N, C-alpha and C. Protein backbone atom coordinates (compact mmCIF):
# COMPACT_ATOMS: atom_id res chain seq x y z
N MET A 1 -9.45 -34.26 -11.35
CA MET A 1 -9.15 -33.99 -9.96
C MET A 1 -9.06 -32.47 -9.78
N LYS A 2 -9.63 -31.97 -8.69
CA LYS A 2 -9.57 -30.55 -8.39
C LYS A 2 -8.39 -30.30 -7.44
N VAL A 3 -7.60 -29.27 -7.80
CA VAL A 3 -6.46 -28.90 -6.98
C VAL A 3 -6.48 -27.40 -6.71
N ILE A 4 -5.77 -27.01 -5.65
CA ILE A 4 -5.62 -25.59 -5.31
C ILE A 4 -4.17 -25.23 -5.61
N LEU A 5 -3.97 -24.17 -6.38
CA LEU A 5 -2.62 -23.75 -6.75
C LEU A 5 -1.95 -23.02 -5.59
N LYS A 6 -0.74 -23.47 -5.23
CA LYS A 6 0.05 -22.82 -4.19
C LYS A 6 1.00 -21.79 -4.80
N LYS A 7 1.28 -21.97 -6.07
CA LYS A 7 2.16 -21.06 -6.81
C LYS A 7 1.48 -20.75 -8.14
N GLN A 8 1.87 -19.64 -8.73
CA GLN A 8 1.34 -19.29 -10.04
C GLN A 8 1.84 -20.32 -11.04
N ALA A 9 0.93 -20.85 -11.84
CA ALA A 9 1.30 -21.85 -12.82
C ALA A 9 0.84 -21.37 -14.20
N GLU A 10 1.78 -21.33 -15.13
CA GLU A 10 1.47 -20.88 -16.47
C GLU A 10 0.37 -21.75 -17.07
N LYS A 11 -0.59 -21.14 -17.67
CA LYS A 11 -1.74 -21.77 -18.34
C LYS A 11 -2.73 -22.42 -17.37
N LEU A 12 -2.46 -22.37 -16.04
CA LEU A 12 -3.41 -22.93 -15.07
C LEU A 12 -4.09 -21.84 -14.27
N GLY A 13 -3.31 -20.92 -13.69
CA GLY A 13 -3.92 -19.86 -12.91
C GLY A 13 -2.99 -19.27 -11.87
N GLU A 14 -3.59 -18.46 -10.99
CA GLU A 14 -2.88 -17.74 -9.95
C GLU A 14 -2.90 -18.52 -8.63
N VAL A 15 -2.16 -18.03 -7.65
CA VAL A 15 -2.13 -18.64 -6.32
C VAL A 15 -3.54 -18.63 -5.74
N GLY A 16 -3.97 -19.77 -5.22
CA GLY A 16 -5.28 -19.88 -4.59
C GLY A 16 -6.40 -20.30 -5.53
N ASP A 17 -6.15 -20.33 -6.83
CA ASP A 17 -7.18 -20.75 -7.78
C ASP A 17 -7.43 -22.25 -7.65
N ILE A 18 -8.70 -22.62 -7.80
CA ILE A 18 -9.07 -24.04 -7.82
C ILE A 18 -9.25 -24.43 -9.28
N VAL A 19 -8.47 -25.41 -9.71
CA VAL A 19 -8.52 -25.82 -11.11
C VAL A 19 -8.69 -27.33 -11.21
N LYS A 20 -9.29 -27.75 -12.31
CA LYS A 20 -9.48 -29.18 -12.55
C LYS A 20 -8.39 -29.64 -13.52
N VAL A 21 -7.65 -30.67 -13.11
CA VAL A 21 -6.57 -31.20 -13.94
C VAL A 21 -6.66 -32.71 -13.98
N ALA A 22 -5.93 -33.31 -14.88
CA ALA A 22 -5.88 -34.77 -14.98
C ALA A 22 -5.22 -35.34 -13.72
N ASP A 23 -5.69 -36.49 -13.27
CA ASP A 23 -5.16 -37.11 -12.06
C ASP A 23 -3.65 -37.32 -12.14
N GLY A 24 -3.17 -37.84 -13.27
CA GLY A 24 -1.75 -38.12 -13.44
C GLY A 24 -0.91 -36.85 -13.41
N TYR A 25 -1.41 -35.78 -14.01
CA TYR A 25 -0.69 -34.51 -14.03
C TYR A 25 -0.53 -33.97 -12.61
N ALA A 26 -1.59 -34.10 -11.83
CA ALA A 26 -1.54 -33.63 -10.44
C ALA A 26 -0.56 -34.48 -9.63
N ARG A 27 -0.70 -35.81 -9.70
CA ARG A 27 0.15 -36.70 -8.89
C ARG A 27 1.61 -36.68 -9.31
N ASN A 28 1.87 -36.62 -10.62
CA ASN A 28 3.24 -36.76 -11.12
C ASN A 28 3.99 -35.43 -11.30
N TYR A 29 3.25 -34.31 -11.38
CA TYR A 29 3.93 -33.05 -11.63
C TYR A 29 3.60 -31.98 -10.58
N LEU A 30 2.34 -31.65 -10.42
CA LEU A 30 1.95 -30.54 -9.54
C LEU A 30 2.26 -30.81 -8.07
N PHE A 31 1.91 -32.00 -7.58
CA PHE A 31 2.16 -32.30 -6.16
C PHE A 31 3.64 -32.42 -5.84
N PRO A 32 4.43 -33.19 -6.62
CA PRO A 32 5.87 -33.31 -6.29
C PRO A 32 6.63 -31.98 -6.35
N LYS A 33 6.23 -31.08 -7.24
CA LYS A 33 6.92 -29.79 -7.37
C LYS A 33 6.32 -28.74 -6.43
N ASP A 34 5.39 -29.13 -5.58
CA ASP A 34 4.77 -28.26 -4.58
C ASP A 34 4.09 -27.05 -5.22
N ILE A 35 3.49 -27.29 -6.40
CA ILE A 35 2.78 -26.23 -7.11
C ILE A 35 1.31 -26.20 -6.68
N ALA A 36 0.79 -27.38 -6.29
CA ALA A 36 -0.63 -27.45 -5.94
C ALA A 36 -0.85 -28.46 -4.82
N ILE A 37 -2.01 -28.34 -4.19
CA ILE A 37 -2.44 -29.32 -3.19
C ILE A 37 -3.86 -29.74 -3.54
N LEU A 38 -4.24 -30.88 -3.04
CA LEU A 38 -5.57 -31.41 -3.30
C LEU A 38 -6.63 -30.47 -2.73
N ALA A 39 -7.71 -30.25 -3.47
CA ALA A 39 -8.78 -29.36 -3.04
C ALA A 39 -9.69 -30.08 -2.04
N THR A 40 -9.37 -29.92 -0.75
CA THR A 40 -10.20 -30.47 0.32
C THR A 40 -10.70 -29.29 1.15
N PRO A 41 -11.76 -29.49 1.94
CA PRO A 41 -12.24 -28.38 2.78
C PRO A 41 -11.15 -27.82 3.70
N GLN A 42 -10.31 -28.69 4.28
CA GLN A 42 -9.24 -28.23 5.15
C GLN A 42 -8.22 -27.39 4.39
N ASN A 43 -7.84 -27.84 3.19
CA ASN A 43 -6.86 -27.11 2.39
C ASN A 43 -7.43 -25.78 1.89
N LEU A 44 -8.74 -25.72 1.65
CA LEU A 44 -9.37 -24.46 1.26
C LEU A 44 -9.22 -23.42 2.37
N LYS A 45 -9.42 -23.85 3.62
CA LYS A 45 -9.26 -22.94 4.76
C LYS A 45 -7.80 -22.45 4.84
N LEU A 46 -6.88 -23.38 4.66
CA LEU A 46 -5.46 -23.04 4.72
C LEU A 46 -5.10 -22.02 3.64
N ILE A 47 -5.57 -22.24 2.43
CA ILE A 47 -5.26 -21.32 1.33
C ILE A 47 -5.88 -19.96 1.59
N ASN A 48 -7.09 -19.92 2.13
CA ASN A 48 -7.72 -18.63 2.43
C ASN A 48 -6.91 -17.87 3.47
N GLN A 49 -6.38 -18.56 4.47
CA GLN A 49 -5.54 -17.92 5.48
C GLN A 49 -4.26 -17.38 4.84
N LEU A 50 -3.66 -18.18 3.96
CA LEU A 50 -2.45 -17.75 3.27
C LEU A 50 -2.72 -16.52 2.40
N LYS A 51 -3.86 -16.50 1.72
CA LYS A 51 -4.23 -15.36 0.87
C LYS A 51 -4.39 -14.09 1.71
N GLU A 52 -5.07 -14.21 2.85
CA GLU A 52 -5.28 -13.07 3.74
C GLU A 52 -3.95 -12.53 4.26
N ALA A 53 -3.08 -13.44 4.67
CA ALA A 53 -1.77 -13.03 5.19
C ALA A 53 -0.97 -12.33 4.09
N GLU A 54 -1.04 -12.83 2.88
CA GLU A 54 -0.32 -12.22 1.75
C GLU A 54 -0.87 -10.83 1.45
N GLU A 55 -2.19 -10.67 1.50
CA GLU A 55 -2.81 -9.36 1.25
C GLU A 55 -2.39 -8.35 2.32
N LYS A 56 -2.33 -8.77 3.58
CA LYS A 56 -1.91 -7.88 4.66
C LYS A 56 -0.45 -7.47 4.47
N ARG A 57 0.37 -8.44 4.12
CA ARG A 57 1.79 -8.16 3.90
C ARG A 57 1.98 -7.15 2.76
N ARG A 58 1.24 -7.34 1.68
CA ARG A 58 1.34 -6.42 0.54
C ARG A 58 0.87 -5.02 0.91
N ALA A 59 -0.21 -4.94 1.70
CA ALA A 59 -0.74 -3.64 2.11
C ALA A 59 0.29 -2.91 2.98
N GLU A 60 0.94 -3.63 3.89
CA GLU A 60 1.97 -3.01 4.74
C GLU A 60 3.17 -2.56 3.90
N GLU A 61 3.56 -3.39 2.94
CA GLU A 61 4.68 -3.05 2.06
C GLU A 61 4.36 -1.79 1.27
N LEU A 62 3.11 -1.68 0.82
CA LEU A 62 2.67 -0.52 0.05
C LEU A 62 2.73 0.75 0.90
N LYS A 63 2.24 0.67 2.14
CA LYS A 63 2.27 1.83 3.04
C LYS A 63 3.72 2.27 3.30
N GLU A 64 4.57 1.29 3.56
CA GLU A 64 5.98 1.59 3.84
C GLU A 64 6.64 2.25 2.63
N ALA A 65 6.34 1.74 1.43
CA ALA A 65 6.92 2.31 0.21
C ALA A 65 6.43 3.75 0.00
N GLU A 66 5.17 4.01 0.31
CA GLU A 66 4.64 5.38 0.16
C GLU A 66 5.35 6.34 1.12
N ILE A 67 5.59 5.90 2.35
CA ILE A 67 6.27 6.74 3.33
C ILE A 67 7.70 7.04 2.87
N ILE A 68 8.40 6.01 2.40
CA ILE A 68 9.77 6.18 1.92
C ILE A 68 9.80 7.14 0.73
N MET A 69 8.82 7.00 -0.18
CA MET A 69 8.80 7.85 -1.37
C MET A 69 8.58 9.31 -0.99
N LYS A 70 7.72 9.58 -0.01
CA LYS A 70 7.51 10.96 0.44
C LYS A 70 8.80 11.55 0.97
N GLN A 71 9.56 10.75 1.72
CA GLN A 71 10.84 11.23 2.26
C GLN A 71 11.84 11.46 1.14
N ILE A 72 11.86 10.58 0.15
CA ILE A 72 12.79 10.71 -0.98
C ILE A 72 12.51 12.00 -1.75
N GLU A 73 11.22 12.30 -1.96
CA GLU A 73 10.86 13.49 -2.75
C GLU A 73 11.25 14.78 -2.03
N LYS A 74 11.41 14.74 -0.70
CA LYS A 74 11.82 15.93 0.06
C LYS A 74 13.34 16.05 0.12
N THR A 75 14.04 15.04 -0.37
CA THR A 75 15.49 14.96 -0.22
C THR A 75 16.21 15.46 -1.47
N THR A 76 17.37 16.04 -1.26
CA THR A 76 18.27 16.38 -2.36
C THR A 76 19.61 15.73 -2.07
N CYS A 77 20.13 15.00 -3.04
CA CYS A 77 21.44 14.36 -2.88
C CYS A 77 22.47 15.21 -3.62
N THR A 78 23.57 15.50 -2.95
CA THR A 78 24.63 16.31 -3.54
C THR A 78 25.87 15.45 -3.72
N PHE A 79 26.46 15.54 -4.89
CA PHE A 79 27.68 14.79 -5.20
C PHE A 79 28.75 15.77 -5.65
N GLU A 80 29.98 15.54 -5.21
CA GLU A 80 31.12 16.32 -5.69
C GLU A 80 31.99 15.39 -6.53
N ARG A 81 32.24 15.81 -7.76
CA ARG A 81 33.02 14.99 -8.68
C ARG A 81 34.04 15.86 -9.40
N LEU A 82 35.13 15.24 -9.81
CA LEU A 82 36.12 15.94 -10.63
C LEU A 82 35.50 16.20 -12.00
N ALA A 83 35.74 17.42 -12.52
CA ALA A 83 35.16 17.79 -13.80
C ALA A 83 36.12 18.71 -14.55
N ASP A 84 35.95 18.79 -15.86
CA ASP A 84 36.77 19.70 -16.65
C ASP A 84 36.16 21.10 -16.62
N GLU A 85 36.79 22.05 -17.32
CA GLU A 85 36.32 23.44 -17.28
C GLU A 85 34.95 23.62 -17.95
N ASN A 86 34.53 22.66 -18.76
CA ASN A 86 33.22 22.75 -19.42
C ASN A 86 32.10 22.13 -18.58
N GLY A 87 32.44 21.59 -17.42
CA GLY A 87 31.43 21.01 -16.55
C GLY A 87 31.13 19.55 -16.82
N HIS A 88 31.96 18.89 -17.63
CA HIS A 88 31.78 17.46 -17.89
C HIS A 88 32.56 16.66 -16.85
N LEU A 89 31.90 15.70 -16.25
CA LEU A 89 32.54 14.91 -15.21
C LEU A 89 33.54 13.93 -15.81
N TYR A 90 34.62 13.69 -15.07
CA TYR A 90 35.58 12.66 -15.49
C TYR A 90 35.01 11.28 -15.23
N GLY A 91 34.16 11.16 -14.24
CA GLY A 91 33.45 9.91 -13.96
C GLY A 91 31.98 10.13 -14.24
N SER A 92 31.13 9.59 -13.38
CA SER A 92 29.69 9.80 -13.53
C SER A 92 29.02 9.54 -12.19
N VAL A 93 27.74 9.84 -12.12
CA VAL A 93 26.92 9.51 -10.97
C VAL A 93 25.97 8.40 -11.43
N SER A 94 26.09 7.24 -10.81
CA SER A 94 25.32 6.07 -11.24
C SER A 94 24.18 5.76 -10.28
N GLU A 95 23.40 4.74 -10.64
CA GLU A 95 22.30 4.29 -9.80
C GLU A 95 22.80 3.85 -8.42
N LEU A 96 23.94 3.17 -8.41
CA LEU A 96 24.51 2.71 -7.14
C LEU A 96 24.93 3.89 -6.27
N ASP A 97 25.52 4.93 -6.87
CA ASP A 97 25.91 6.13 -6.12
C ASP A 97 24.68 6.75 -5.45
N ILE A 98 23.58 6.82 -6.20
CA ILE A 98 22.36 7.44 -5.68
C ILE A 98 21.77 6.58 -4.55
N ALA A 99 21.73 5.25 -4.75
CA ALA A 99 21.21 4.35 -3.71
C ALA A 99 22.05 4.46 -2.44
N ASN A 100 23.37 4.54 -2.60
CA ASN A 100 24.26 4.67 -1.43
C ASN A 100 24.06 6.00 -0.73
N ALA A 101 23.88 7.08 -1.50
CA ALA A 101 23.67 8.40 -0.90
C ALA A 101 22.35 8.43 -0.12
N LEU A 102 21.33 7.79 -0.65
CA LEU A 102 20.05 7.73 0.07
C LEU A 102 20.18 6.89 1.33
N GLU A 103 20.95 5.82 1.25
CA GLU A 103 21.15 4.96 2.43
C GLU A 103 21.85 5.74 3.55
N GLU A 104 22.79 6.60 3.18
CA GLU A 104 23.46 7.44 4.19
C GLU A 104 22.48 8.36 4.88
N LYS A 105 21.39 8.69 4.20
CA LYS A 105 20.35 9.55 4.78
C LYS A 105 19.25 8.74 5.46
N GLY A 106 19.46 7.42 5.57
CA GLY A 106 18.51 6.56 6.26
C GLY A 106 17.38 6.05 5.40
N LEU A 107 17.49 6.18 4.08
CA LEU A 107 16.45 5.71 3.16
C LEU A 107 17.02 4.57 2.32
N THR A 108 16.69 3.35 2.67
CA THR A 108 17.27 2.21 1.99
C THR A 108 16.42 1.80 0.79
N ILE A 109 17.03 1.86 -0.39
CA ILE A 109 16.39 1.37 -1.61
C ILE A 109 17.42 0.56 -2.39
N ASP A 110 16.94 -0.21 -3.33
CA ASP A 110 17.82 -1.00 -4.18
C ASP A 110 18.23 -0.13 -5.38
N LYS A 111 19.42 -0.36 -5.90
CA LYS A 111 19.87 0.44 -7.05
C LYS A 111 18.95 0.23 -8.26
N ASN A 112 18.25 -0.90 -8.32
CA ASN A 112 17.33 -1.16 -9.43
C ASN A 112 16.07 -0.30 -9.34
N ASN A 113 15.83 0.33 -8.19
CA ASN A 113 14.69 1.24 -8.05
C ASN A 113 14.98 2.61 -8.66
N VAL A 114 16.25 2.89 -8.94
CA VAL A 114 16.64 4.17 -9.54
C VAL A 114 16.56 3.99 -11.05
N LYS A 115 15.70 4.78 -11.69
CA LYS A 115 15.48 4.64 -13.13
C LYS A 115 16.18 5.77 -13.88
N MET A 116 17.26 5.41 -14.56
CA MET A 116 18.04 6.40 -15.32
C MET A 116 18.28 5.85 -16.72
N GLU A 117 18.11 6.69 -17.73
CA GLU A 117 18.44 6.26 -19.09
C GLU A 117 19.95 6.13 -19.24
N LYS A 118 20.66 7.09 -18.64
CA LYS A 118 22.13 7.05 -18.68
C LYS A 118 22.65 7.73 -17.41
N HIS A 119 23.88 7.45 -17.06
CA HIS A 119 24.49 8.04 -15.87
C HIS A 119 24.63 9.55 -16.04
N ILE A 120 24.63 10.25 -14.91
CA ILE A 120 24.79 11.70 -14.93
C ILE A 120 26.27 12.01 -15.14
N LYS A 121 26.56 12.83 -16.18
CA LYS A 121 27.95 13.12 -16.52
C LYS A 121 28.23 14.62 -16.61
N ASP A 122 27.30 15.44 -16.07
CA ASP A 122 27.48 16.89 -16.12
C ASP A 122 27.22 17.51 -14.75
N ILE A 123 27.90 18.61 -14.49
CA ILE A 123 27.66 19.39 -13.28
C ILE A 123 26.31 20.09 -13.42
N GLY A 124 25.61 20.22 -12.30
CA GLY A 124 24.34 20.93 -12.33
C GLY A 124 23.27 20.20 -11.54
N ASN A 125 22.03 20.65 -11.71
CA ASN A 125 20.89 20.03 -11.03
C ASN A 125 20.22 19.04 -11.98
N HIS A 126 19.87 17.90 -11.44
CA HIS A 126 19.24 16.85 -12.24
C HIS A 126 18.08 16.27 -11.45
N ILE A 127 17.15 15.65 -12.18
CA ILE A 127 16.03 14.96 -11.53
C ILE A 127 16.07 13.51 -11.99
N VAL A 128 15.98 12.60 -11.02
CA VAL A 128 16.04 11.17 -11.31
C VAL A 128 14.75 10.52 -10.82
N GLU A 129 14.22 9.62 -11.62
CA GLU A 129 12.99 8.92 -11.24
C GLU A 129 13.32 7.74 -10.33
N ILE A 130 12.53 7.60 -9.27
CA ILE A 130 12.67 6.48 -8.34
C ILE A 130 11.35 5.71 -8.41
N GLU A 131 11.44 4.40 -8.59
CA GLU A 131 10.25 3.55 -8.65
C GLU A 131 10.39 2.44 -7.62
N LEU A 132 9.64 2.58 -6.51
CA LEU A 132 9.73 1.59 -5.45
C LEU A 132 8.85 0.38 -5.74
N GLN A 133 7.67 0.63 -6.28
CA GLN A 133 6.77 -0.43 -6.72
C GLN A 133 6.12 0.05 -8.00
N GLU A 134 5.34 -0.83 -8.63
CA GLU A 134 4.73 -0.49 -9.91
C GLU A 134 4.01 0.86 -9.88
N ASP A 135 3.24 1.10 -8.83
CA ASP A 135 2.42 2.32 -8.79
C ASP A 135 2.95 3.35 -7.79
N ILE A 136 4.16 3.17 -7.29
CA ILE A 136 4.75 4.15 -6.38
C ILE A 136 6.04 4.66 -7.00
N LYS A 137 5.89 5.84 -7.62
CA LYS A 137 7.02 6.47 -8.30
C LYS A 137 7.18 7.89 -7.79
N GLY A 138 8.38 8.40 -7.89
CA GLY A 138 8.63 9.77 -7.47
C GLY A 138 9.92 10.27 -8.10
N GLU A 139 10.25 11.52 -7.76
CA GLU A 139 11.45 12.12 -8.31
C GLU A 139 12.39 12.54 -7.20
N LEU A 140 13.67 12.37 -7.44
CA LEU A 140 14.71 12.75 -6.51
C LEU A 140 15.55 13.85 -7.15
N LYS A 141 15.83 14.90 -6.37
CA LYS A 141 16.66 15.99 -6.87
C LYS A 141 18.13 15.65 -6.62
N ILE A 142 18.93 15.83 -7.64
CA ILE A 142 20.36 15.55 -7.57
C ILE A 142 21.12 16.83 -7.91
N LYS A 143 22.11 17.19 -7.08
CA LYS A 143 23.01 18.30 -7.38
C LYS A 143 24.39 17.72 -7.56
N VAL A 144 25.02 18.07 -8.66
CA VAL A 144 26.39 17.63 -8.90
C VAL A 144 27.25 18.89 -8.93
N LYS A 145 28.25 18.94 -8.02
CA LYS A 145 29.16 20.08 -7.92
C LYS A 145 30.54 19.65 -8.37
N LYS A 146 31.31 20.66 -8.81
CA LYS A 146 32.70 20.39 -9.17
C LYS A 146 33.51 20.24 -7.90
N GLN A 147 34.27 19.17 -7.83
CA GLN A 147 35.11 18.90 -6.66
C GLN A 147 36.28 19.87 -6.66
N LYS A 148 36.50 20.47 -5.51
CA LYS A 148 37.64 21.40 -5.39
C LYS A 148 38.92 20.59 -5.36
N GLU A 149 39.87 21.00 -6.19
CA GLU A 149 41.14 20.28 -6.24
C GLU A 149 41.98 20.67 -5.03
N LYS A 150 42.83 19.79 -4.60
CA LYS A 150 43.71 20.06 -3.47
C LYS A 150 44.76 21.09 -3.87
N ASN A 151 45.23 21.85 -2.90
CA ASN A 151 46.29 22.85 -3.15
C ASN A 151 47.56 22.15 -3.62
N THR A 152 48.33 22.83 -4.44
CA THR A 152 49.58 22.25 -4.93
C THR A 152 50.57 22.05 -3.80
N ASP A 153 50.46 22.89 -2.74
CA ASP A 153 51.36 22.75 -1.59
C ASP A 153 51.13 21.40 -0.91
N GLU A 154 49.82 20.99 -0.82
CA GLU A 154 49.52 19.72 -0.17
C GLU A 154 50.04 18.55 -1.00
N LYS A 155 50.00 18.69 -2.34
CA LYS A 155 50.46 17.61 -3.21
C LYS A 155 51.97 17.42 -3.09
N ASN A 156 52.71 18.52 -2.92
CA ASN A 156 54.16 18.44 -2.85
C ASN A 156 54.67 18.03 -1.47
N SER A 157 53.84 18.05 -0.48
CA SER A 157 54.27 17.75 0.90
C SER A 157 54.54 16.28 1.08
């Protein structure tokens, strides 16, 4: 029996592929799990429409990601953190801190898009890699400054 895959199926193929499978496998597994539909002329048209819509959606997503990446590369995020006299932070600057700082500037990304080997733990200028999609990567400039401590008069008040 020939079927059209609606979802990627391991060892069978990608979405939209027409594959030949055993009748029982199609009826008892692929159809009930909504992985495939019967290969009929009507279903072929439907799958082609779905493929076209998916390609358009991906192209728009790609354009949007490129625009966001250009804005990110022009941006510098500044953080003020408590640090010792050697410039080592008592805390750190994490992926979530960076994602939140970008969101405050109107650039929404997921913290998983921020690629860091380890959190930033020193005062100074740093560069962090941002990966929005597989082929859309860029760098974000980060400045970490020492936070000014409050006056002792304010603490005693």
